[in-house]
Structure formats: C-alpha cells, structure tokens
Amino acid sequence: MLPRALRPDSRIFSPALAGGALLDIGIYNLTATRWVLQHALGEVPPLVDLAVKARLAPTGVDAGLAVTLDFGDGLTSQFQCAIDTFAPNTMHILGGAGAIVLPETFWEATRAQWLPARGTPETIERRFEINGFEYEIREAMRCARAGEIESPVVPHAETLAVLGWMDRIRALAGVRSPFDDAFPTSA
C-alpha cells in the first residue's frame, strides 16, 4: 500500500471522520487475530496485556501504530499499521508445526503458503468469484431474507469485542475523536 500524502482535509487524517491507521486498516489485523485464535483454540482467550506504541499525525489521528496483544502462556499477536508509510501488508501466523504466510494485502489474499517446520512447503490458491465482497453480500442477503438481524457468521458480540480492543488501543495511543464522548465505550 502506498503512503498517503498528509492532507489534513482528507478523511484518512481527519479525527472528525474517524481517520487514522487503526480505524482504517488496523481493524483487519484485529479481526484476523480473533479469527485465527478462534479457529486454532476454539475461543479467543482474554487479553493479559496490551502494549501500544503510536506515532500521531499533526491532526491528532494515529499515523502509525505498533501493537502487541498478549494472551499469556507465550501466545501473542503483533502488528504494525500506518497511513503515512509503505508496508508490504503480509501476515505471518507462526506455530510449533510451521507457519502460514499470506502475501501482500493479506485481507484480500487469494493465496497462502504453508511452511511446515519439517516437510515440503505448499501453496494454496483460491480465487474470488468477483472481488471478495460477494461472501459478505450473500450473507447479508441471506439474513435479510430470513428476517435475521444478526449473522451467526459474525455475531454482534464478535463486533463488540473487536471494538473493545480498538477503544483500548486508541486510548493507549492517545487518540481522541470529537465524537468519543457521544458514545459509551466498549472497552
């Protein structure tokens, strides 16, 4: 992803328009962390510690973040995200049996590599039917047709859990938006 020029009038650098690295792209890291933990462990363990290093833009939004989520027993998730620098945006899931690597722009990856600690690496490819959004659209349509106000694929509790982490990260980063006091915190 190419860095964006600092334009205080652009949405990405505007506190009033929910700008900043975390809200724009960091959400992908957090939701991917929760998805991996849920699938690997059957649940997302509670956070034991959360460490955040932030670089703020002149407008007050987070231009860059380095975040460590510590779940105890050596289980961590670390990520960096920024709106003012270049990054390859890869994801590495590391474990005792090996690693899974998602290439650049991991949130829309159509290829993954399995790098076993022992054995032969494998590459898996799955192309989108259209652009990747068709899965969300189909689920929303299914819910609407069934009269459901909540999807079992991503229930409200999961959304609130991600928002809780985001609220805590923003607080530790020292990021405040004009609308923060208008809504109850989920932290």
N, C-alpha and C. Protein backbone atom coordinates (compact mmCIF):
# COMPACT_ATOMS: atom_id res chain seq x y z
N MET A 1 0.84 -1.17 0.00
CA MET A 1 0.00 0.00 0.00
C MET A 1 0.89 1.23 0.00
N LEU A 2 0.64 2.16 -0.88
CA LEU A 2 1.47 3.35 -0.96
C LEU A 2 1.10 4.34 0.13
N PRO A 3 2.09 5.06 0.66
CA PRO A 3 1.78 6.05 1.70
C PRO A 3 0.94 7.19 1.13
N ARG A 4 0.13 7.75 1.98
CA ARG A 4 -0.71 8.88 1.58
C ARG A 4 -0.03 10.18 1.98
N ALA A 5 -0.14 11.18 1.14
CA ALA A 5 0.39 12.49 1.48
C ALA A 5 -0.47 13.07 2.59
N LEU A 6 0.15 13.80 3.50
CA LEU A 6 -0.60 14.42 4.59
C LEU A 6 -1.45 15.54 4.04
N ARG A 7 -2.73 15.29 4.00
CA ARG A 7 -3.71 16.31 3.62
C ARG A 7 -4.70 16.40 4.76
N PRO A 8 -4.52 17.38 5.63
CA PRO A 8 -5.40 17.48 6.81
C PRO A 8 -6.89 17.49 6.48
N ASP A 9 -7.25 17.85 5.25
CA ASP A 9 -8.66 17.88 4.87
C ASP A 9 -9.16 16.53 4.36
N SER A 10 -8.27 15.53 4.24
CA SER A 10 -8.71 14.22 3.76
C SER A 10 -9.30 13.41 4.91
N ARG A 11 -10.19 12.50 4.58
CA ARG A 11 -10.84 11.67 5.59
C ARG A 11 -9.83 10.89 6.42
N ILE A 12 -8.81 10.37 5.80
CA ILE A 12 -7.87 9.49 6.48
C ILE A 12 -7.10 10.20 7.60
N PHE A 13 -6.95 11.51 7.51
CA PHE A 13 -6.25 12.28 8.55
C PHE A 13 -7.20 13.10 9.41
N SER A 14 -8.49 12.90 9.26
CA SER A 14 -9.48 13.70 9.99
C SER A 14 -10.00 12.98 11.23
N PRO A 15 -9.79 13.56 12.43
CA PRO A 15 -10.37 12.97 13.64
C PRO A 15 -11.91 12.96 13.59
N ALA A 16 -12.51 13.98 12.98
CA ALA A 16 -13.98 14.06 12.92
C ALA A 16 -14.57 13.00 12.00
N LEU A 17 -13.76 12.48 11.07
CA LEU A 17 -14.25 11.48 10.13
C LEU A 17 -13.66 10.09 10.41
N ALA A 18 -13.24 9.87 11.66
CA ALA A 18 -12.72 8.57 12.11
C ALA A 18 -11.49 8.13 11.32
N GLY A 19 -10.61 9.08 11.06
CA GLY A 19 -9.37 8.77 10.36
C GLY A 19 -8.37 8.07 11.26
N GLY A 20 -7.25 7.72 10.70
CA GLY A 20 -6.18 7.08 11.44
C GLY A 20 -5.91 5.67 10.99
N ALA A 21 -4.72 5.18 11.32
CA ALA A 21 -4.28 3.85 10.87
C ALA A 21 -5.13 2.73 11.46
N LEU A 22 -5.42 2.79 12.74
CA LEU A 22 -6.15 1.70 13.39
C LEU A 22 -7.54 1.52 12.79
N LEU A 23 -8.29 2.60 12.70
CA LEU A 23 -9.67 2.50 12.22
C LEU A 23 -9.74 2.21 10.73
N ASP A 24 -8.71 2.61 9.98
CA ASP A 24 -8.74 2.40 8.54
C ASP A 24 -8.23 1.02 8.14
N ILE A 25 -7.09 0.59 8.69
CA ILE A 25 -6.52 -0.69 8.27
C ILE A 25 -6.18 -1.63 9.43
N GLY A 26 -5.99 -1.11 10.63
CA GLY A 26 -5.66 -1.96 11.77
C GLY A 26 -6.76 -2.94 12.13
N ILE A 27 -7.98 -2.59 11.80
CA ILE A 27 -9.11 -3.49 12.08
C ILE A 27 -8.92 -4.85 11.42
N TYR A 28 -8.25 -4.89 10.26
CA TYR A 28 -8.00 -6.16 9.59
C TYR A 28 -7.08 -7.04 10.44
N ASN A 29 -6.08 -6.44 11.06
CA ASN A 29 -5.17 -7.20 11.93
C ASN A 29 -5.91 -7.76 13.14
N LEU A 30 -6.78 -6.96 13.73
CA LEU A 30 -7.50 -7.40 14.91
C LEU A 30 -8.51 -8.49 14.59
N THR A 31 -9.26 -8.33 13.51
CA THR A 31 -10.24 -9.36 13.17
C THR A 31 -9.54 -10.65 12.73
N ALA A 32 -8.42 -10.53 12.04
CA ALA A 32 -7.66 -11.73 11.65
C ALA A 32 -7.11 -12.43 12.89
N THR A 33 -6.63 -11.67 13.86
CA THR A 33 -6.13 -12.26 15.11
C THR A 33 -7.24 -13.06 15.79
N ARG A 34 -8.41 -12.47 15.90
CA ARG A 34 -9.52 -13.15 16.56
C ARG A 34 -9.94 -14.39 15.77
N TRP A 35 -9.96 -14.31 14.45
CA TRP A 35 -10.33 -15.45 13.62
C TRP A 35 -9.34 -16.60 13.79
N VAL A 36 -8.05 -16.29 13.76
CA VAL A 36 -7.02 -17.33 13.92
C VAL A 36 -7.14 -17.99 15.29
N LEU A 37 -7.27 -17.19 16.34
CA LEU A 37 -7.38 -17.75 17.69
C LEU A 37 -8.61 -18.62 17.83
N GLN A 38 -9.73 -18.15 17.32
CA GLN A 38 -10.99 -18.91 17.40
C GLN A 38 -10.85 -20.26 16.69
N HIS A 39 -10.23 -20.25 15.53
CA HIS A 39 -10.10 -21.49 14.78
C HIS A 39 -9.01 -22.40 15.33
N ALA A 40 -7.97 -21.84 15.91
CA ALA A 40 -6.88 -22.66 16.44
C ALA A 40 -7.20 -23.21 17.83
N LEU A 41 -7.86 -22.38 18.67
CA LEU A 41 -8.08 -22.76 20.06
C LEU A 41 -9.55 -23.04 20.41
N GLY A 42 -10.44 -22.66 19.51
CA GLY A 42 -11.86 -22.82 19.80
C GLY A 42 -12.45 -21.64 20.55
N GLU A 43 -11.62 -20.69 20.92
CA GLU A 43 -12.06 -19.47 21.61
C GLU A 43 -10.95 -18.43 21.53
N VAL A 44 -11.32 -17.20 21.82
CA VAL A 44 -10.34 -16.13 21.92
C VAL A 44 -10.07 -15.91 23.40
N PRO A 45 -8.84 -16.23 23.85
CA PRO A 45 -8.56 -16.04 25.28
C PRO A 45 -8.59 -14.55 25.64
N PRO A 46 -8.83 -14.24 26.91
CA PRO A 46 -8.80 -12.84 27.32
C PRO A 46 -7.39 -12.27 27.23
N LEU A 47 -7.32 -10.99 26.96
CA LEU A 47 -6.02 -10.31 26.93
C LEU A 47 -5.43 -10.24 28.33
N VAL A 48 -4.14 -10.57 28.44
CA VAL A 48 -3.41 -10.42 29.69
C VAL A 48 -2.74 -9.05 29.73
N ASP A 49 -2.26 -8.61 28.55
CA ASP A 49 -1.60 -7.32 28.46
C ASP A 49 -1.75 -6.79 27.04
N LEU A 50 -1.67 -5.49 26.92
CA LEU A 50 -1.77 -4.82 25.64
C LEU A 50 -0.74 -3.71 25.63
N ALA A 51 0.16 -3.72 24.65
CA ALA A 51 1.19 -2.69 24.53
C ALA A 51 1.01 -1.97 23.20
N VAL A 52 1.09 -0.64 23.24
CA VAL A 52 0.87 0.16 22.04
C VAL A 52 1.94 1.24 21.97
N LYS A 53 2.56 1.36 20.82
CA LYS A 53 3.44 2.49 20.51
C LYS A 53 2.80 3.20 19.33
N ALA A 54 2.62 4.51 19.47
CA ALA A 54 1.91 5.26 18.44
C ALA A 54 2.72 6.44 17.96
N ARG A 55 2.51 6.75 16.71
CA ARG A 55 3.04 7.98 16.11
C ARG A 55 1.82 8.75 15.60
N LEU A 56 1.60 9.92 16.18
CA LEU A 56 0.41 10.70 15.82
C LEU A 56 0.72 11.67 14.70
N ALA A 57 -0.27 11.87 13.84
CA ALA A 57 -0.19 12.88 12.78
C ALA A 57 -0.46 14.25 13.40
N PRO A 58 -0.07 15.32 12.73
CA PRO A 58 -0.36 16.67 13.25
C PRO A 58 -1.85 16.91 13.52
N THR A 59 -2.72 16.17 12.85
CA THR A 59 -4.16 16.33 13.06
C THR A 59 -4.66 15.60 14.30
N GLY A 60 -3.81 14.75 14.91
CA GLY A 60 -4.19 14.02 16.12
C GLY A 60 -4.58 12.57 15.90
N VAL A 61 -4.74 12.14 14.65
CA VAL A 61 -5.04 10.73 14.41
C VAL A 61 -3.75 9.93 14.49
N ASP A 62 -3.88 8.63 14.64
CA ASP A 62 -2.70 7.76 14.67
C ASP A 62 -2.20 7.54 13.24
N ALA A 63 -1.01 8.06 12.97
CA ALA A 63 -0.40 7.87 11.65
C ALA A 63 0.22 6.48 11.57
N GLY A 64 0.70 5.98 12.71
CA GLY A 64 1.30 4.65 12.75
C GLY A 64 1.19 4.05 14.13
N LEU A 65 1.04 2.73 14.16
CA LEU A 65 0.92 2.01 15.43
C LEU A 65 1.74 0.72 15.38
N ALA A 66 2.31 0.38 16.51
CA ALA A 66 2.88 -0.95 16.73
C ALA A 66 2.15 -1.50 17.95
N VAL A 67 1.52 -2.66 17.81
CA VAL A 67 0.64 -3.20 18.85
C VAL A 67 1.05 -4.64 19.16
N THR A 68 1.09 -4.94 20.46
CA THR A 68 1.28 -6.32 20.91
C THR A 68 0.11 -6.69 21.80
N LEU A 69 -0.60 -7.73 21.40
CA LEU A 69 -1.69 -8.29 22.20
C LEU A 69 -1.13 -9.55 22.85
N ASP A 70 -1.13 -9.58 24.18
CA ASP A 70 -0.56 -10.70 24.93
C ASP A 70 -1.69 -11.47 25.59
N PHE A 71 -1.79 -12.77 25.25
CA PHE A 71 -2.84 -13.63 25.79
C PHE A 71 -2.31 -14.57 26.86
N GLY A 72 -1.05 -14.40 27.26
CA GLY A 72 -0.44 -15.26 28.26
C GLY A 72 0.10 -16.55 27.66
N ASP A 73 0.90 -17.26 28.44
CA ASP A 73 1.48 -18.54 28.03
C ASP A 73 2.24 -18.44 26.71
N GLY A 74 2.85 -17.29 26.42
CA GLY A 74 3.63 -17.12 25.20
C GLY A 74 2.83 -16.88 23.95
N LEU A 75 1.52 -16.74 24.07
CA LEU A 75 0.65 -16.52 22.92
C LEU A 75 0.48 -15.02 22.70
N THR A 76 0.97 -14.52 21.58
CA THR A 76 0.87 -13.10 21.28
C THR A 76 0.46 -12.88 19.84
N SER A 77 -0.03 -11.70 19.59
CA SER A 77 -0.26 -11.21 18.24
C SER A 77 0.38 -9.84 18.17
N GLN A 78 1.18 -9.63 17.16
CA GLN A 78 1.84 -8.34 16.97
C GLN A 78 1.54 -7.83 15.58
N PHE A 79 1.33 -6.53 15.48
CA PHE A 79 1.16 -5.95 14.15
C PHE A 79 1.57 -4.49 14.16
N GLN A 80 1.85 -4.02 12.97
CA GLN A 80 2.11 -2.59 12.74
C GLN A 80 1.19 -2.17 11.62
N CYS A 81 0.70 -0.95 11.72
CA CYS A 81 -0.08 -0.39 10.63
C CYS A 81 0.20 1.10 10.56
N ALA A 82 0.13 1.66 9.37
CA ALA A 82 0.42 3.08 9.18
C ALA A 82 -0.30 3.59 7.95
N ILE A 83 -0.60 4.88 7.99
CA ILE A 83 -1.23 5.53 6.84
C ILE A 83 -0.27 6.50 6.15
N ASP A 84 0.94 6.60 6.66
CA ASP A 84 1.89 7.56 6.08
C ASP A 84 3.21 6.92 5.63
N THR A 85 3.27 5.60 5.66
CA THR A 85 4.48 4.90 5.22
C THR A 85 4.08 3.69 4.40
N PHE A 86 5.03 3.16 3.64
CA PHE A 86 4.79 1.97 2.84
C PHE A 86 5.01 0.72 3.68
N ALA A 87 4.21 -0.30 3.45
CA ALA A 87 4.40 -1.60 4.08
C ALA A 87 3.90 -2.67 3.11
N PRO A 88 4.50 -3.85 3.13
CA PRO A 88 4.04 -4.90 2.22
C PRO A 88 2.71 -5.53 2.64
N ASN A 89 2.27 -5.33 3.87
CA ASN A 89 0.97 -5.82 4.35
C ASN A 89 0.82 -7.33 4.24
N THR A 90 1.84 -8.05 4.67
CA THR A 90 1.78 -9.50 4.72
C THR A 90 1.35 -9.92 6.12
N MET A 91 0.93 -11.19 6.24
CA MET A 91 0.57 -11.73 7.54
C MET A 91 1.27 -13.06 7.71
N HIS A 92 1.86 -13.25 8.88
CA HIS A 92 2.55 -14.50 9.21
C HIS A 92 1.90 -15.07 10.47
N ILE A 93 1.41 -16.29 10.37
CA ILE A 93 0.83 -17.00 11.50
C ILE A 93 1.83 -18.08 11.88
N LEU A 94 2.44 -17.94 13.06
CA LEU A 94 3.54 -18.80 13.46
C LEU A 94 3.08 -19.78 14.53
N GLY A 95 3.51 -21.03 14.41
CA GLY A 95 3.18 -22.05 15.40
C GLY A 95 4.25 -23.10 15.45
N GLY A 96 4.09 -24.03 16.35
CA GLY A 96 5.09 -25.08 16.54
C GLY A 96 5.26 -25.98 15.33
N ALA A 97 4.20 -26.20 14.56
CA ALA A 97 4.27 -27.09 13.41
C ALA A 97 4.74 -26.39 12.14
N GLY A 98 4.77 -25.07 12.16
CA GLY A 98 5.17 -24.33 10.98
C GLY A 98 4.53 -22.95 10.94
N ALA A 99 4.47 -22.39 9.75
CA ALA A 99 3.94 -21.03 9.58
C ALA A 99 3.03 -20.98 8.35
N ILE A 100 2.05 -20.12 8.43
CA ILE A 100 1.20 -19.80 7.28
C ILE A 100 1.52 -18.36 6.93
N VAL A 101 1.79 -18.11 5.65
CA VAL A 101 2.12 -16.76 5.19
C VAL A 101 1.10 -16.33 4.15
N LEU A 102 0.47 -15.20 4.42
CA LEU A 102 -0.43 -14.58 3.45
C LEU A 102 0.33 -13.42 2.82
N PRO A 103 0.35 -13.34 1.50
CA PRO A 103 1.16 -12.32 0.83
C PRO A 103 0.56 -10.92 0.97
N GLU A 104 1.16 -10.01 0.25
CA GLU A 104 0.78 -8.60 0.30
C GLU A 104 -0.74 -8.42 0.26
N THR A 105 -1.19 -7.44 1.01
CA THR A 105 -2.61 -7.14 1.26
C THR A 105 -3.36 -8.40 1.70
N PHE A 106 -2.92 -8.90 2.87
CA PHE A 106 -3.43 -10.16 3.41
C PHE A 106 -4.94 -10.19 3.54
N TRP A 107 -5.57 -9.05 3.73
CA TRP A 107 -7.01 -9.03 3.95
C TRP A 107 -7.79 -9.36 2.68
N GLU A 108 -7.11 -9.37 1.54
CA GLU A 108 -7.77 -9.77 0.30
C GLU A 108 -6.96 -10.84 -0.41
N ALA A 109 -6.22 -11.62 0.36
CA ALA A 109 -5.35 -12.65 -0.21
C ALA A 109 -6.16 -13.74 -0.91
N THR A 110 -5.63 -14.20 -2.00
CA THR A 110 -6.20 -15.35 -2.69
C THR A 110 -5.19 -16.50 -2.71
N ARG A 111 -4.08 -16.30 -2.00
CA ARG A 111 -3.03 -17.31 -1.95
C ARG A 111 -2.45 -17.35 -0.55
N ALA A 112 -2.14 -18.55 -0.09
CA ALA A 112 -1.48 -18.73 1.21
C ALA A 112 -0.39 -19.78 1.05
N GLN A 113 0.68 -19.59 1.80
CA GLN A 113 1.75 -20.58 1.80
C GLN A 113 1.79 -21.27 3.16
N TRP A 114 1.90 -22.60 3.15
CA TRP A 114 2.11 -23.37 4.35
C TRP A 114 3.58 -23.74 4.36
N LEU A 115 4.31 -23.28 5.39
CA LEU A 115 5.73 -23.55 5.54
C LEU A 115 5.92 -24.43 6.76
N PRO A 116 5.89 -25.75 6.58
CA PRO A 116 6.00 -26.64 7.74
C PRO A 116 7.40 -26.60 8.34
N ALA A 117 7.46 -26.84 9.65
CA ALA A 117 8.77 -26.91 10.32
C ALA A 117 9.60 -28.04 9.71
N ARG A 118 8.92 -29.09 9.29
CA ARG A 118 9.56 -30.20 8.58
C ARG A 118 8.67 -30.56 7.41
N GLY A 119 9.26 -30.79 6.29
CA GLY A 119 8.47 -31.19 5.13
C GLY A 119 8.53 -30.17 4.02
N THR A 120 7.68 -30.36 3.07
CA THR A 120 7.68 -29.54 1.85
C THR A 120 6.65 -28.42 1.96
N PRO A 121 7.06 -27.18 1.66
CA PRO A 121 6.10 -26.07 1.65
C PRO A 121 5.00 -26.30 0.60
N GLU A 122 3.83 -25.76 0.89
CA GLU A 122 2.70 -25.86 -0.04
C GLU A 122 2.12 -24.48 -0.26
N THR A 123 1.59 -24.25 -1.45
CA THR A 123 0.88 -23.02 -1.77
C THR A 123 -0.54 -23.38 -2.13
N ILE A 124 -1.49 -22.66 -1.53
CA ILE A 124 -2.91 -22.88 -1.79
C ILE A 124 -3.45 -21.61 -2.41
N GLU A 125 -4.19 -21.75 -3.51
CA GLU A 125 -4.79 -20.60 -4.17
C GLU A 125 -6.29 -20.80 -4.30
N ARG A 126 -7.03 -19.76 -3.96
CA ARG A 126 -8.48 -19.74 -4.13
C ARG A 126 -8.84 -18.35 -4.65
N ARG A 127 -9.25 -18.28 -5.88
CA ARG A 127 -9.62 -17.00 -6.49
C ARG A 127 -11.01 -16.58 -6.03
N PHE A 128 -11.23 -15.27 -5.99
CA PHE A 128 -12.56 -14.75 -5.72
C PHE A 128 -13.44 -15.02 -6.93
N GLU A 129 -14.73 -15.17 -6.69
CA GLU A 129 -15.66 -15.26 -7.80
C GLU A 129 -15.75 -13.90 -8.50
N ILE A 130 -15.77 -12.84 -7.67
CA ILE A 130 -15.88 -11.49 -8.23
C ILE A 130 -14.75 -10.63 -7.66
N ASN A 131 -14.92 -10.14 -6.41
CA ASN A 131 -13.89 -9.27 -5.82
C ASN A 131 -13.67 -9.53 -4.33
N GLY A 132 -14.29 -10.54 -3.77
CA GLY A 132 -14.13 -10.87 -2.36
C GLY A 132 -15.27 -10.38 -1.48
N PHE A 133 -15.99 -9.37 -1.93
CA PHE A 133 -17.11 -8.86 -1.14
C PHE A 133 -18.37 -9.70 -1.33
N GLU A 134 -18.38 -10.58 -2.32
CA GLU A 134 -19.58 -11.36 -2.61
C GLU A 134 -20.00 -12.23 -1.44
N TYR A 135 -19.04 -12.65 -0.61
CA TYR A 135 -19.38 -13.51 0.53
C TYR A 135 -20.14 -12.72 1.59
N GLU A 136 -19.70 -11.51 1.88
CA GLU A 136 -20.41 -10.64 2.83
C GLU A 136 -21.80 -10.29 2.30
N ILE A 137 -21.86 -9.96 1.02
CA ILE A 137 -23.13 -9.57 0.41
C ILE A 137 -24.12 -10.73 0.47
N ARG A 138 -23.65 -11.93 0.14
CA ARG A 138 -24.54 -13.10 0.19
C ARG A 138 -25.06 -13.36 1.61
N GLU A 139 -24.18 -13.23 2.59
CA GLU A 139 -24.62 -13.47 3.97
C GLU A 139 -25.61 -12.40 4.41
N ALA A 140 -25.37 -11.14 4.06
CA ALA A 140 -26.32 -10.07 4.40
C ALA A 140 -27.66 -10.31 3.72
N MET A 141 -27.63 -10.73 2.48
CA MET A 141 -28.88 -11.03 1.77
C MET A 141 -29.60 -12.22 2.41
N ARG A 142 -28.86 -13.24 2.80
CA ARG A 142 -29.46 -14.40 3.45
C ARG A 142 -30.14 -13.98 4.76
N CYS A 143 -29.44 -13.16 5.55
CA CYS A 143 -30.01 -12.70 6.82
C CYS A 143 -31.27 -11.87 6.58
N ALA A 144 -31.23 -10.97 5.60
CA ALA A 144 -32.40 -10.13 5.31
C ALA A 144 -33.58 -10.99 4.88
N ARG A 145 -33.34 -11.95 4.03
CA ARG A 145 -34.43 -12.82 3.56
C ARG A 145 -35.00 -13.68 4.68
N ALA A 146 -34.14 -14.06 5.63
CA ALA A 146 -34.59 -14.90 6.74
C ALA A 146 -35.14 -14.07 7.90
N GLY A 147 -35.11 -12.75 7.77
CA GLY A 147 -35.59 -11.89 8.85
C GLY A 147 -34.66 -11.85 10.04
N GLU A 148 -33.42 -12.21 9.85
CA GLU A 148 -32.44 -12.21 10.94
C GLU A 148 -31.78 -10.84 11.06
N ILE A 149 -31.61 -10.36 12.28
CA ILE A 149 -30.92 -9.08 12.49
C ILE A 149 -29.47 -9.28 12.91
N GLU A 150 -29.06 -10.55 13.02
CA GLU A 150 -27.69 -10.88 13.40
C GLU A 150 -27.24 -12.10 12.64
N SER A 151 -26.03 -12.02 12.09
CA SER A 151 -25.48 -13.16 11.37
C SER A 151 -24.74 -14.09 12.33
N PRO A 152 -24.96 -15.39 12.23
CA PRO A 152 -24.18 -16.32 13.05
C PRO A 152 -22.72 -16.39 12.59
N VAL A 153 -22.42 -15.92 11.40
CA VAL A 153 -21.04 -15.94 10.89
C VAL A 153 -20.18 -14.92 11.65
N VAL A 154 -20.71 -13.71 11.83
CA VAL A 154 -20.03 -12.68 12.63
C VAL A 154 -21.10 -12.07 13.55
N PRO A 155 -21.30 -12.69 14.71
CA PRO A 155 -22.33 -12.19 15.63
C PRO A 155 -21.98 -10.83 16.22
N HIS A 156 -22.97 -10.16 16.75
CA HIS A 156 -22.77 -8.83 17.35
C HIS A 156 -21.69 -8.85 18.42
N ALA A 157 -21.64 -9.91 19.22
CA ALA A 157 -20.64 -10.00 20.29
C ALA A 157 -19.22 -9.95 19.73
N GLU A 158 -19.02 -10.53 18.57
CA GLU A 158 -17.68 -10.51 17.95
C GLU A 158 -17.33 -9.09 17.52
N THR A 159 -18.28 -8.39 16.92
CA THR A 159 -18.05 -7.00 16.52
C THR A 159 -17.72 -6.15 17.74
N LEU A 160 -18.48 -6.32 18.82
CA LEU A 160 -18.24 -5.55 20.04
C LEU A 160 -16.89 -5.87 20.67
N ALA A 161 -16.46 -7.12 20.57
CA ALA A 161 -15.15 -7.49 21.11
C ALA A 161 -14.02 -6.79 20.35
N VAL A 162 -14.12 -6.75 19.02
CA VAL A 162 -13.11 -6.03 18.21
C VAL A 162 -13.13 -4.55 18.55
N LEU A 163 -14.31 -3.98 18.68
CA LEU A 163 -14.43 -2.55 19.02
C LEU A 163 -13.84 -2.27 20.41
N GLY A 164 -14.01 -3.20 21.33
CA GLY A 164 -13.41 -3.04 22.66
C GLY A 164 -11.90 -2.97 22.58
N TRP A 165 -11.29 -3.86 21.80
CA TRP A 165 -9.83 -3.80 21.61
C TRP A 165 -9.43 -2.48 20.97
N MET A 166 -10.21 -2.03 19.97
CA MET A 166 -9.88 -0.78 19.28
C MET A 166 -9.96 0.41 20.23
N ASP A 167 -10.98 0.42 21.08
CA ASP A 167 -11.10 1.51 22.06
C ASP A 167 -9.90 1.53 23.00
N ARG A 168 -9.48 0.36 23.46
CA ARG A 168 -8.31 0.30 24.36
C ARG A 168 -7.04 0.74 23.65
N ILE A 169 -6.85 0.33 22.42
CA ILE A 169 -5.66 0.72 21.65
C ILE A 169 -5.65 2.22 21.42
N ARG A 170 -6.78 2.78 21.02
CA ARG A 170 -6.86 4.23 20.79
C ARG A 170 -6.56 5.00 22.08
N ALA A 171 -7.07 4.52 23.20
CA ALA A 171 -6.82 5.20 24.48
C ALA A 171 -5.33 5.16 24.82
N LEU A 172 -4.69 4.00 24.66
CA LEU A 172 -3.26 3.90 24.96
C LEU A 172 -2.41 4.72 23.99
N ALA A 173 -2.91 4.88 22.76
CA ALA A 173 -2.19 5.68 21.76
C ALA A 173 -2.38 7.17 21.98
N GLY A 174 -3.36 7.55 22.78
CA GLY A 174 -3.64 8.97 23.00
C GLY A 174 -4.45 9.60 21.89
N VAL A 175 -5.24 8.78 21.21
CA VAL A 175 -6.06 9.27 20.09
C VAL A 175 -7.47 9.55 20.60
N ARG A 176 -7.95 10.75 20.32
CA ARG A 176 -9.32 11.14 20.68
C ARG A 176 -10.00 11.72 19.46
N SER A 177 -11.25 11.39 19.30
CA SER A 177 -12.05 11.93 18.21
C SER A 177 -13.14 12.80 18.81
N PRO A 178 -13.63 13.78 18.06
CA PRO A 178 -14.67 14.67 18.59
C PRO A 178 -15.93 13.94 19.05
N PHE A 179 -16.20 12.78 18.49
CA PHE A 179 -17.42 12.04 18.82
C PHE A 179 -17.23 11.05 19.96
N ASP A 180 -16.02 10.91 20.51
CA ASP A 180 -15.76 9.90 21.53
C ASP A 180 -16.69 10.00 22.74
N ASP A 181 -16.99 11.20 23.19
CA ASP A 181 -17.82 11.37 24.37
C ASP A 181 -19.31 11.16 24.09
N ALA A 182 -19.68 11.11 22.82
CA ALA A 182 -21.09 10.96 22.46
C ALA A 182 -21.56 9.51 22.53
N PHE A 183 -20.62 8.56 22.59
CA PHE A 183 -20.97 7.14 22.59
C PHE A 183 -20.35 6.46 23.79
N PRO A 184 -21.06 5.51 24.39
CA PRO A 184 -20.45 4.76 25.50
C PRO A 184 -19.30 3.91 24.98
N THR A 185 -18.27 3.78 25.77
CA THR A 185 -17.12 2.99 25.36
C THR A 185 -17.42 1.51 25.47
N SER A 186 -16.80 0.73 24.58
CA SER A 186 -16.96 -0.72 24.65
C SER A 186 -15.72 -1.35 25.30
N ALA A 187 -14.81 -0.52 25.82
CA ALA A 187 -13.58 -1.04 26.42
C ALA A 187 -13.84 -1.59 27.80
